[in-house]
Amino acid sequence: MRSSDRTEQLLTEIRDLLQAYLEEYRRVTERAVDLQRTAVERQEKFGTLYRRSIAIGTAVVVMIVALLIYLLTLLP
């Protein structure tokens, strides 16, 4: 085997390995982006749920306080 044939073979192997590496890198990067997208969506949903819970909790506390004030005013 001549030196140039061996060099060509090595370069071909290097190219193939780099292509495989690039494909794996793309796959991993795509997965990471998908996971980030999912995390952002979940945070948005949780934020909405949290705001609703706070609003409902505040309304319940206001009603209880109003009821207590009303009941206390009825006492002699």
N, C-alpha and C. Protein backbone atom coordinates (compact mmCIF):
# COMPACT_ATOMS: atom_id res chain seq x y z
N MET A 1 0.85 -1.17 0.00
CA MET A 1 0.00 0.00 0.00
C MET A 1 0.89 1.24 0.00
N ARG A 2 0.58 2.12 -0.89
CA ARG A 2 1.38 3.32 -1.00
C ARG A 2 1.02 4.31 0.10
N SER A 3 1.91 5.24 0.34
CA SER A 3 1.73 6.23 1.39
C SER A 3 0.52 7.12 1.10
N SER A 4 0.33 7.49 -0.16
CA SER A 4 -0.80 8.36 -0.50
C SER A 4 -2.13 7.62 -0.31
N ASP A 5 -2.15 6.29 -0.59
CA ASP A 5 -3.36 5.50 -0.36
C ASP A 5 -3.69 5.45 1.13
N ARG A 6 -2.67 5.25 1.93
CA ARG A 6 -2.86 5.19 3.38
C ARG A 6 -3.34 6.55 3.92
N THR A 7 -2.78 7.61 3.41
CA THR A 7 -3.19 8.96 3.82
C THR A 7 -4.64 9.20 3.44
N GLU A 8 -4.99 8.80 2.23
CA GLU A 8 -6.37 8.98 1.78
C GLU A 8 -7.33 8.17 2.65
N GLN A 9 -6.95 6.96 2.99
CA GLN A 9 -7.78 6.12 3.84
C GLN A 9 -7.95 6.75 5.22
N LEU A 10 -6.89 7.26 5.80
CA LEU A 10 -6.97 7.92 7.11
C LEU A 10 -7.85 9.15 7.06
N LEU A 11 -7.69 9.92 6.00
CA LEU A 11 -8.52 11.12 5.86
C LEU A 11 -9.99 10.75 5.71
N THR A 12 -10.27 9.69 4.99
CA THR A 12 -11.65 9.22 4.83
C THR A 12 -12.22 8.78 6.17
N GLU A 13 -11.44 8.06 6.95
CA GLU A 13 -11.89 7.62 8.27
C GLU A 13 -12.15 8.82 9.19
N ILE A 14 -11.25 9.79 9.14
CA ILE A 14 -11.42 11.00 9.96
C ILE A 14 -12.70 11.73 9.55
N ARG A 15 -12.92 11.85 8.24
CA ARG A 15 -14.14 12.50 7.75
C ARG A 15 -15.39 11.78 8.23
N ASP A 16 -15.38 10.45 8.12
CA ASP A 16 -16.54 9.67 8.55
C ASP A 16 -16.80 9.83 10.04
N LEU A 17 -15.72 9.82 10.84
CA LEU A 17 -15.87 9.99 12.28
C LEU A 17 -16.40 11.38 12.62
N LEU A 18 -15.91 12.38 11.92
CA LEU A 18 -16.39 13.74 12.16
C LEU A 18 -17.86 13.89 11.77
N GLN A 19 -18.26 13.24 10.69
CA GLN A 19 -19.67 13.28 10.30
C GLN A 19 -20.55 12.61 11.34
N ALA A 20 -20.09 11.46 11.86
CA ALA A 20 -20.84 10.78 12.91
C ALA A 20 -20.92 11.64 14.17
N TYR A 21 -19.80 12.29 14.51
CA TYR A 21 -19.78 13.16 15.68
C TYR A 21 -20.75 14.33 15.49
N LEU A 22 -20.74 14.93 14.31
CA LEU A 22 -21.62 16.05 14.03
C LEU A 22 -23.08 15.63 14.11
N GLU A 23 -23.40 14.47 13.60
CA GLU A 23 -24.77 13.98 13.65
C GLU A 23 -25.21 13.76 15.10
N GLU A 24 -24.34 13.19 15.91
CA GLU A 24 -24.65 12.98 17.33
C GLU A 24 -24.81 14.31 18.05
N TYR A 25 -23.94 15.27 17.72
CA TYR A 25 -24.02 16.60 18.32
C TYR A 25 -25.35 17.26 17.99
N ARG A 26 -25.77 17.15 16.75
CA ARG A 26 -27.06 17.72 16.34
C ARG A 26 -28.21 17.07 17.10
N ARG A 27 -28.15 15.75 17.23
CA ARG A 27 -29.21 15.02 17.94
C ARG A 27 -29.29 15.47 19.40
N VAL A 28 -28.13 15.55 20.06
CA VAL A 28 -28.10 15.95 21.46
C VAL A 28 -28.56 17.39 21.62
N THR A 29 -28.13 18.26 20.73
CA THR A 29 -28.53 19.66 20.79
C THR A 29 -30.03 19.82 20.59
N GLU A 30 -30.57 19.07 19.65
CA GLU A 30 -32.01 19.13 19.39
C GLU A 30 -32.79 18.65 20.62
N ARG A 31 -32.31 17.61 21.25
CA ARG A 31 -32.96 17.09 22.47
C ARG A 31 -32.90 18.13 23.59
N ALA A 32 -31.76 18.79 23.74
CA ALA A 32 -31.61 19.82 24.77
C ALA A 32 -32.57 20.97 24.53
N VAL A 33 -32.71 21.38 23.29
CA VAL A 33 -33.63 22.47 22.95
C VAL A 33 -35.07 22.05 23.24
N ASP A 34 -35.42 20.82 22.90
CA ASP A 34 -36.77 20.31 23.20
C ASP A 34 -37.04 20.32 24.70
N LEU A 35 -36.06 19.89 25.48
CA LEU A 35 -36.22 19.88 26.93
C LEU A 35 -36.38 21.29 27.48
N GLN A 36 -35.63 22.23 26.94
CA GLN A 36 -35.76 23.62 27.38
C GLN A 36 -37.14 24.17 27.03
N ARG A 37 -37.62 23.85 25.84
CA ARG A 37 -38.95 24.30 25.43
C ARG A 37 -40.01 23.76 26.38
N THR A 38 -39.90 22.47 26.70
CA THR A 38 -40.84 21.85 27.62
C THR A 38 -40.79 22.50 28.99
N ALA A 39 -39.59 22.79 29.46
CA ALA A 39 -39.43 23.43 30.77
C ALA A 39 -40.07 24.82 30.79
N VAL A 40 -39.89 25.57 29.72
CA VAL A 40 -40.49 26.91 29.65
C VAL A 40 -42.01 26.81 29.64
N GLU A 41 -42.55 25.87 28.89
CA GLU A 41 -44.01 25.69 28.85
C GLU A 41 -44.55 25.33 30.22
N ARG A 42 -43.86 24.45 30.93
CA ARG A 42 -44.30 24.06 32.27
C ARG A 42 -44.22 25.23 33.23
N GLN A 43 -43.18 26.03 33.12
CA GLN A 43 -43.07 27.21 33.99
C GLN A 43 -44.22 28.18 33.73
N GLU A 44 -44.57 28.37 32.48
CA GLU A 44 -45.67 29.26 32.15
C GLU A 44 -46.98 28.73 32.73
N LYS A 45 -47.22 27.43 32.60
CA LYS A 45 -48.44 26.84 33.16
C LYS A 45 -48.45 26.95 34.68
N PHE A 46 -47.33 26.69 35.31
CA PHE A 46 -47.24 26.79 36.76
C PHE A 46 -47.45 28.23 37.21
N GLY A 47 -46.90 29.18 36.48
CA GLY A 47 -47.08 30.58 36.81
C GLY A 47 -48.54 30.98 36.76
N THR A 48 -49.26 30.52 35.75
CA THR A 48 -50.69 30.80 35.64
C THR A 48 -51.46 30.18 36.80
N LEU A 49 -51.16 28.93 37.11
CA LEU A 49 -51.81 28.24 38.22
C LEU A 49 -51.51 28.95 39.54
N TYR A 50 -50.27 29.37 39.72
CA TYR A 50 -49.87 30.07 40.94
C TYR A 50 -50.64 31.38 41.09
N ARG A 51 -50.73 32.16 40.03
CA ARG A 51 -51.46 33.43 40.09
C ARG A 51 -52.94 33.21 40.41
N ARG A 52 -53.53 32.19 39.81
CA ARG A 52 -54.94 31.90 40.10
C ARG A 52 -55.12 31.48 41.55
N SER A 53 -54.22 30.64 42.04
CA SER A 53 -54.30 30.19 43.43
C SER A 53 -54.19 31.36 44.40
N ILE A 54 -53.27 32.27 44.12
CA ILE A 54 -53.11 33.45 44.98
C ILE A 54 -54.37 34.30 44.94
N ALA A 55 -54.96 34.49 43.77
CA ALA A 55 -56.17 35.31 43.64
C ALA A 55 -57.33 34.67 44.41
N ILE A 56 -57.50 33.36 44.27
CA ILE A 56 -58.59 32.67 44.97
C ILE A 56 -58.34 32.70 46.47
N GLY A 57 -57.10 32.45 46.89
CA GLY A 57 -56.77 32.49 48.32
C GLY A 57 -57.02 33.86 48.91
N THR A 58 -56.66 34.90 48.19
CA THR A 58 -56.89 36.26 48.67
C THR A 58 -58.39 36.54 48.79
N ALA A 59 -59.16 36.11 47.81
CA ALA A 59 -60.61 36.32 47.85
C ALA A 59 -61.22 35.59 49.05
N VAL A 60 -60.77 34.39 49.34
CA VAL A 60 -61.30 33.63 50.48
C VAL A 60 -60.95 34.34 51.79
N VAL A 61 -59.72 34.81 51.91
CA VAL A 61 -59.31 35.51 53.14
C VAL A 61 -60.13 36.78 53.31
N VAL A 62 -60.34 37.53 52.23
CA VAL A 62 -61.14 38.76 52.32
C VAL A 62 -62.56 38.43 52.76
N MET A 63 -63.15 37.37 52.22
CA MET A 63 -64.50 36.98 52.62
C MET A 63 -64.56 36.58 54.08
N ILE A 64 -63.57 35.84 54.55
CA ILE A 64 -63.55 35.42 55.96
C ILE A 64 -63.42 36.64 56.87
N VAL A 65 -62.54 37.56 56.52
CA VAL A 65 -62.37 38.77 57.33
C VAL A 65 -63.67 39.59 57.33
N ALA A 66 -64.29 39.72 56.18
CA ALA A 66 -65.56 40.46 56.10
C ALA A 66 -66.62 39.78 56.95
N LEU A 67 -66.70 38.47 56.91
CA LEU A 67 -67.66 37.73 57.72
C LEU A 67 -67.39 37.92 59.20
N LEU A 68 -66.13 37.88 59.61
CA LEU A 68 -65.78 38.09 61.01
C LEU A 68 -66.14 39.49 61.46
N ILE A 69 -65.87 40.48 60.64
CA ILE A 69 -66.23 41.86 60.99
C ILE A 69 -67.74 42.00 61.11
N TYR A 70 -68.46 41.38 60.19
CA TYR A 70 -69.92 41.42 60.24
C TYR A 70 -70.43 40.77 61.52
N LEU A 71 -69.91 39.60 61.84
CA LEU A 71 -70.36 38.88 63.05
C LEU A 71 -69.98 39.66 64.31
N LEU A 72 -68.83 40.28 64.34
CA LEU A 72 -68.41 41.03 65.52
C LEU A 72 -69.26 42.29 65.73
N THR A 73 -69.76 42.85 64.64
CA THR A 73 -70.62 44.03 64.78
C THR A 73 -72.00 43.66 65.31
N LEU A 74 -72.41 42.41 65.18
CA LEU A 74 -73.71 41.97 65.69
C LEU A 74 -73.67 41.74 67.20
N LEU A 75 -72.50 41.53 67.75
CA LEU A 75 -72.38 41.29 69.19
C LEU A 75 -72.65 42.59 69.95
N PRO A 76 -73.34 42.49 71.14
CA PRO A 76 -73.64 43.71 71.89
C PRO A 76 -72.42 44.32 72.52
